[in-house]
Amino acid sequence: MIKKWYLSTPMNGKTEKEIQAALQRGIGWANNRGEYYHNPYNPANAKFTEGKVLDPKPIKMLSKAIAPMDSCDGVLFIGSYEELRKSRGCQVEINIADLYGLEVLTID
């Protein structure tokens, strides 16, 4: 069965280039498996301070990003265990995935 993956990576404090590089790893992972993905990152929704994401309204940004998770079979977290544990947004996404029975995978 072909699955659709919601791609997640820590963003706060990262440059757009770092975020895009992480998401590209997730896109490559999904493409290699012949599966679909949803990339929730939209630079227009992020606030950058000195070239890094530092959003004064992180809940608003996160709520826009997670809405498409409802149409996915799983969540692919991209980043180290330490990064994912420190990211409040990723922690929310992990809880949602767990509570709603989505498959969860992690790549670094």
N, C-alpha and C. Protein backbone atom coordinates (compact mmCIF):
# COMPACT_ATOMS: atom_id res chain seq x y z
N MET A 1 0.84 -1.19 0.00
CA MET A 1 0.00 0.00 0.00
C MET A 1 0.89 1.25 0.00
N ILE A 2 0.63 2.15 -0.89
CA ILE A 2 1.36 3.41 -0.95
C ILE A 2 0.82 4.33 0.14
N LYS A 3 1.73 4.93 0.88
CA LYS A 3 1.35 5.82 1.97
C LYS A 3 1.67 7.27 1.64
N LYS A 4 1.02 8.15 2.38
CA LYS A 4 1.32 9.57 2.29
C LYS A 4 1.89 10.00 3.64
N TRP A 5 3.06 10.64 3.60
CA TRP A 5 3.78 11.04 4.79
C TRP A 5 3.75 12.55 4.99
N TYR A 6 3.49 12.95 6.20
CA TYR A 6 3.60 14.35 6.62
C TYR A 6 5.05 14.54 7.06
N LEU A 7 5.75 15.48 6.47
CA LEU A 7 7.15 15.70 6.79
C LEU A 7 7.28 16.74 7.91
N SER A 8 8.07 16.41 8.92
CA SER A 8 8.25 17.31 10.04
C SER A 8 9.72 17.44 10.39
N THR A 9 10.15 18.65 10.66
CA THR A 9 11.52 18.90 11.11
C THR A 9 11.52 20.11 12.02
N PRO A 10 12.39 20.14 13.01
CA PRO A 10 12.46 21.34 13.86
C PRO A 10 12.83 22.56 13.02
N MET A 11 12.16 23.68 13.28
CA MET A 11 12.39 24.89 12.49
C MET A 11 12.89 26.06 13.32
N ASN A 12 12.46 26.16 14.55
CA ASN A 12 12.79 27.33 15.36
C ASN A 12 14.31 27.47 15.51
N GLY A 13 14.81 28.65 15.19
CA GLY A 13 16.23 28.91 15.30
C GLY A 13 17.06 28.44 14.12
N LYS A 14 16.40 27.91 13.07
CA LYS A 14 17.13 27.43 11.89
C LYS A 14 16.92 28.39 10.73
N THR A 15 17.88 28.37 9.82
CA THR A 15 17.75 29.19 8.62
C THR A 15 16.84 28.46 7.63
N GLU A 16 16.36 29.22 6.66
CA GLU A 16 15.52 28.60 5.64
C GLU A 16 16.30 27.52 4.89
N LYS A 17 17.58 27.76 4.65
CA LYS A 17 18.42 26.79 3.95
C LYS A 17 18.52 25.48 4.76
N GLU A 18 18.67 25.57 6.08
CA GLU A 18 18.73 24.38 6.93
C GLU A 18 17.41 23.62 6.93
N ILE A 19 16.32 24.36 6.99
CA ILE A 19 14.99 23.73 6.97
C ILE A 19 14.76 23.02 5.64
N GLN A 20 15.05 23.71 4.55
CA GLN A 20 14.86 23.13 3.22
C GLN A 20 15.72 21.88 3.02
N ALA A 21 16.96 21.91 3.53
CA ALA A 21 17.86 20.75 3.39
C ALA A 21 17.29 19.54 4.13
N ALA A 22 16.78 19.76 5.33
CA ALA A 22 16.19 18.65 6.10
C ALA A 22 14.96 18.10 5.37
N LEU A 23 14.10 18.98 4.90
CA LEU A 23 12.90 18.53 4.20
C LEU A 23 13.24 17.80 2.91
N GLN A 24 14.30 18.23 2.24
CA GLN A 24 14.73 17.53 1.02
C GLN A 24 15.13 16.09 1.33
N ARG A 25 15.75 15.86 2.50
CA ARG A 25 16.08 14.48 2.91
C ARG A 25 14.80 13.66 3.05
N GLY A 26 13.75 14.26 3.61
CA GLY A 26 12.47 13.57 3.75
C GLY A 26 11.81 13.31 2.41
N ILE A 27 11.89 14.29 1.51
CA ILE A 27 11.31 14.13 0.17
C ILE A 27 12.03 13.00 -0.56
N GLY A 28 13.36 12.98 -0.47
CA GLY A 28 14.13 11.91 -1.10
C GLY A 28 13.77 10.54 -0.53
N TRP A 29 13.59 10.48 0.78
CA TRP A 29 13.21 9.24 1.46
C TRP A 29 11.87 8.73 0.91
N ALA A 30 10.87 9.62 0.84
CA ALA A 30 9.54 9.23 0.34
C ALA A 30 9.62 8.82 -1.13
N ASN A 31 10.33 9.59 -1.94
CA ASN A 31 10.46 9.28 -3.36
C ASN A 31 11.13 7.93 -3.58
N ASN A 32 12.17 7.62 -2.79
CA ASN A 32 12.85 6.33 -2.92
C ASN A 32 11.94 5.16 -2.60
N ARG A 33 10.94 5.39 -1.78
CA ARG A 33 9.98 4.34 -1.42
C ARG A 33 8.78 4.32 -2.37
N GLY A 34 8.72 5.29 -3.28
CA GLY A 34 7.58 5.38 -4.19
C GLY A 34 6.32 5.83 -3.49
N GLU A 35 6.48 6.63 -2.43
CA GLU A 35 5.32 7.07 -1.66
C GLU A 35 5.15 8.58 -1.77
N TYR A 36 4.01 9.04 -1.32
CA TYR A 36 3.67 10.45 -1.39
C TYR A 36 4.09 11.15 -0.10
N TYR A 37 4.12 12.47 -0.15
CA TYR A 37 4.47 13.24 1.04
C TYR A 37 3.74 14.57 1.01
N HIS A 38 3.59 15.13 2.19
CA HIS A 38 3.09 16.49 2.31
C HIS A 38 4.18 17.28 3.02
N ASN A 39 4.64 18.33 2.37
CA ASN A 39 5.65 19.21 2.94
C ASN A 39 4.92 20.42 3.52
N PRO A 40 4.80 20.51 4.84
CA PRO A 40 4.01 21.59 5.44
C PRO A 40 4.69 22.94 5.49
N TYR A 41 5.97 22.98 5.14
CA TYR A 41 6.71 24.23 5.29
C TYR A 41 6.30 25.24 4.23
N ASN A 42 5.93 26.41 4.69
CA ASN A 42 5.60 27.52 3.81
C ASN A 42 6.33 28.75 4.35
N PRO A 43 7.37 29.21 3.66
CA PRO A 43 8.13 30.36 4.16
C PRO A 43 7.27 31.59 4.44
N ALA A 44 6.14 31.71 3.75
CA ALA A 44 5.25 32.85 3.97
C ALA A 44 4.61 32.80 5.35
N ASN A 45 4.51 31.61 5.95
CA ASN A 45 3.92 31.47 7.28
C ASN A 45 4.95 31.61 8.39
N ALA A 46 6.22 31.59 8.06
CA ALA A 46 7.28 31.66 9.06
C ALA A 46 7.77 33.09 9.22
N LYS A 47 8.19 33.43 10.41
CA LYS A 47 8.77 34.74 10.68
C LYS A 47 10.26 34.55 10.91
N PHE A 48 11.06 35.29 10.16
CA PHE A 48 12.51 35.18 10.26
C PHE A 48 13.07 36.40 10.98
N THR A 49 13.97 36.15 11.92
CA THR A 49 14.69 37.20 12.62
C THR A 49 16.16 36.90 12.46
N GLU A 50 16.88 37.83 11.86
CA GLU A 50 18.30 37.65 11.58
C GLU A 50 18.56 36.36 10.80
N GLY A 51 17.66 36.06 9.86
CA GLY A 51 17.83 34.91 8.98
C GLY A 51 17.40 33.58 9.54
N LYS A 52 16.89 33.57 10.79
CA LYS A 52 16.45 32.31 11.41
C LYS A 52 14.99 32.42 11.81
N VAL A 53 14.31 31.26 11.82
CA VAL A 53 12.91 31.24 12.22
C VAL A 53 12.84 31.56 13.72
N LEU A 54 12.09 32.57 14.03
CA LEU A 54 11.82 32.93 15.41
C LEU A 54 10.44 33.57 15.41
N ASP A 55 9.44 32.72 15.44
CA ASP A 55 8.07 33.17 15.24
C ASP A 55 7.46 33.65 16.56
N PRO A 56 6.95 34.88 16.58
CA PRO A 56 6.30 35.37 17.80
C PRO A 56 4.94 34.73 18.04
N LYS A 57 4.38 34.07 17.04
CA LYS A 57 3.09 33.38 17.15
C LYS A 57 3.24 31.93 16.71
N PRO A 58 4.02 31.12 17.45
CA PRO A 58 4.30 29.75 17.01
C PRO A 58 3.07 28.85 16.95
N ILE A 59 2.09 29.08 17.80
CA ILE A 59 0.89 28.23 17.79
C ILE A 59 0.11 28.46 16.50
N LYS A 60 0.01 29.70 16.08
CA LYS A 60 -0.69 30.02 14.83
C LYS A 60 0.03 29.36 13.65
N MET A 61 1.37 29.46 13.63
CA MET A 61 2.15 28.85 12.55
C MET A 61 1.96 27.34 12.56
N LEU A 62 2.02 26.74 13.74
CA LEU A 62 1.88 25.29 13.86
C LEU A 62 0.48 24.83 13.45
N SER A 63 -0.54 25.58 13.84
CA SER A 63 -1.91 25.17 13.50
C SER A 63 -2.14 25.14 11.99
N LYS A 64 -1.52 26.08 11.27
CA LYS A 64 -1.62 26.06 9.81
C LYS A 64 -0.88 24.86 9.23
N ALA A 65 0.26 24.55 9.82
CA ALA A 65 1.10 23.47 9.30
C ALA A 65 0.49 22.10 9.51
N ILE A 66 -0.18 21.86 10.64
CA ILE A 66 -0.64 20.50 10.96
C ILE A 66 -1.98 20.12 10.33
N ALA A 67 -2.74 21.08 9.83
CA ALA A 67 -4.06 20.75 9.26
C ALA A 67 -3.99 19.62 8.22
N PRO A 68 -3.03 19.60 7.28
CA PRO A 68 -2.98 18.53 6.28
C PRO A 68 -2.56 17.17 6.84
N MET A 69 -2.12 17.13 8.10
CA MET A 69 -1.74 15.86 8.71
C MET A 69 -2.92 14.88 8.69
N ASP A 70 -4.13 15.44 8.68
CA ASP A 70 -5.35 14.63 8.68
C ASP A 70 -5.48 13.76 7.44
N SER A 71 -4.82 14.13 6.35
CA SER A 71 -4.92 13.35 5.11
C SER A 71 -3.69 12.45 4.90
N CYS A 72 -2.86 12.30 5.93
CA CYS A 72 -1.65 11.50 5.82
C CYS A 72 -1.77 10.20 6.60
N ASP A 73 -0.98 9.21 6.20
CA ASP A 73 -0.96 7.91 6.89
C ASP A 73 0.08 7.87 8.00
N GLY A 74 1.07 8.74 7.90
CA GLY A 74 2.13 8.74 8.89
C GLY A 74 2.87 10.05 8.90
N VAL A 75 3.75 10.17 9.91
CA VAL A 75 4.56 11.37 10.06
C VAL A 75 6.02 10.94 10.03
N LEU A 76 6.80 11.59 9.17
CA LEU A 76 8.23 11.34 9.09
C LEU A 76 8.93 12.52 9.74
N PHE A 77 9.60 12.26 10.86
CA PHE A 77 10.36 13.29 11.56
C PHE A 77 11.79 13.26 11.06
N ILE A 78 12.30 14.42 10.70
CA ILE A 78 13.63 14.53 10.12
C ILE A 78 14.50 15.35 11.07
N GLY A 79 15.48 14.70 11.66
CA GLY A 79 16.38 15.38 12.58
C GLY A 79 16.88 14.42 13.64
N SER A 80 17.83 14.89 14.43
CA SER A 80 18.37 14.05 15.49
C SER A 80 17.36 13.94 16.64
N TYR A 81 17.52 12.92 17.44
CA TYR A 81 16.65 12.72 18.60
C TYR A 81 16.67 13.97 19.49
N GLU A 82 17.85 14.53 19.71
CA GLU A 82 17.98 15.71 20.57
C GLU A 82 17.21 16.90 20.00
N GLU A 83 17.32 17.11 18.69
CA GLU A 83 16.59 18.22 18.05
C GLU A 83 15.09 18.04 18.19
N LEU A 84 14.62 16.82 17.95
CA LEU A 84 13.18 16.55 18.01
C LEU A 84 12.65 16.72 19.43
N ARG A 85 13.42 16.31 20.42
CA ARG A 85 13.00 16.44 21.82
C ARG A 85 12.92 17.91 22.24
N LYS A 86 13.78 18.76 21.68
CA LYS A 86 13.81 20.17 22.04
C LYS A 86 12.73 20.99 21.32
N SER A 87 12.21 20.47 20.23
CA SER A 87 11.25 21.20 19.41
C SER A 87 9.83 21.02 19.95
N ARG A 88 9.25 22.11 20.42
CA ARG A 88 7.87 22.03 20.93
C ARG A 88 6.90 21.67 19.82
N GLY A 89 7.14 22.23 18.62
CA GLY A 89 6.26 21.91 17.49
C GLY A 89 6.30 20.44 17.15
N CYS A 90 7.50 19.85 17.11
CA CYS A 90 7.62 18.41 16.82
C CYS A 90 6.98 17.58 17.92
N GLN A 91 7.10 18.02 19.17
CA GLN A 91 6.47 17.29 20.26
C GLN A 91 4.95 17.28 20.11
N VAL A 92 4.37 18.40 19.69
CA VAL A 92 2.93 18.46 19.44
C VAL A 92 2.57 17.50 18.30
N GLU A 93 3.35 17.52 17.23
CA GLU A 93 3.07 16.64 16.09
C GLU A 93 3.21 15.17 16.48
N ILE A 94 4.20 14.84 17.31
CA ILE A 94 4.35 13.45 17.79
C ILE A 94 3.12 13.04 18.59
N ASN A 95 2.65 13.92 19.46
CA ASN A 95 1.46 13.60 20.26
C ASN A 95 0.23 13.41 19.38
N ILE A 96 0.05 14.27 18.41
CA ILE A 96 -1.10 14.14 17.50
C ILE A 96 -1.01 12.81 16.75
N ALA A 97 0.15 12.51 16.19
CA ALA A 97 0.33 11.25 15.45
C ALA A 97 0.02 10.06 16.33
N ASP A 98 0.52 10.08 17.55
CA ASP A 98 0.30 8.98 18.48
C ASP A 98 -1.18 8.86 18.86
N LEU A 99 -1.79 9.96 19.21
CA LEU A 99 -3.19 9.94 19.65
C LEU A 99 -4.16 9.53 18.54
N TYR A 100 -3.81 9.85 17.29
CA TYR A 100 -4.70 9.55 16.18
C TYR A 100 -4.25 8.36 15.35
N GLY A 101 -3.28 7.60 15.86
CA GLY A 101 -2.90 6.34 15.24
C GLY A 101 -2.14 6.44 13.93
N LEU A 102 -1.42 7.54 13.72
CA LEU A 102 -0.60 7.65 12.52
C LEU A 102 0.73 6.95 12.75
N GLU A 103 1.28 6.37 11.72
CA GLU A 103 2.58 5.76 11.83
C GLU A 103 3.62 6.85 12.02
N VAL A 104 4.64 6.58 12.83
CA VAL A 104 5.69 7.55 13.11
C VAL A 104 7.04 6.93 12.79
N LEU A 105 7.82 7.62 11.96
CA LEU A 105 9.18 7.20 11.65
C LEU A 105 10.10 8.40 11.78
N THR A 106 11.38 8.13 12.04
CA THR A 106 12.36 9.20 12.20
C THR A 106 13.59 8.89 11.35
N ILE A 107 14.09 9.92 10.67
CA ILE A 107 15.38 9.82 9.99
C ILE A 107 16.21 11.02 10.41
N ASP A 108 17.52 10.87 10.38
CA ASP A 108 18.39 11.97 10.76
C ASP A 108 19.07 12.55 9.54
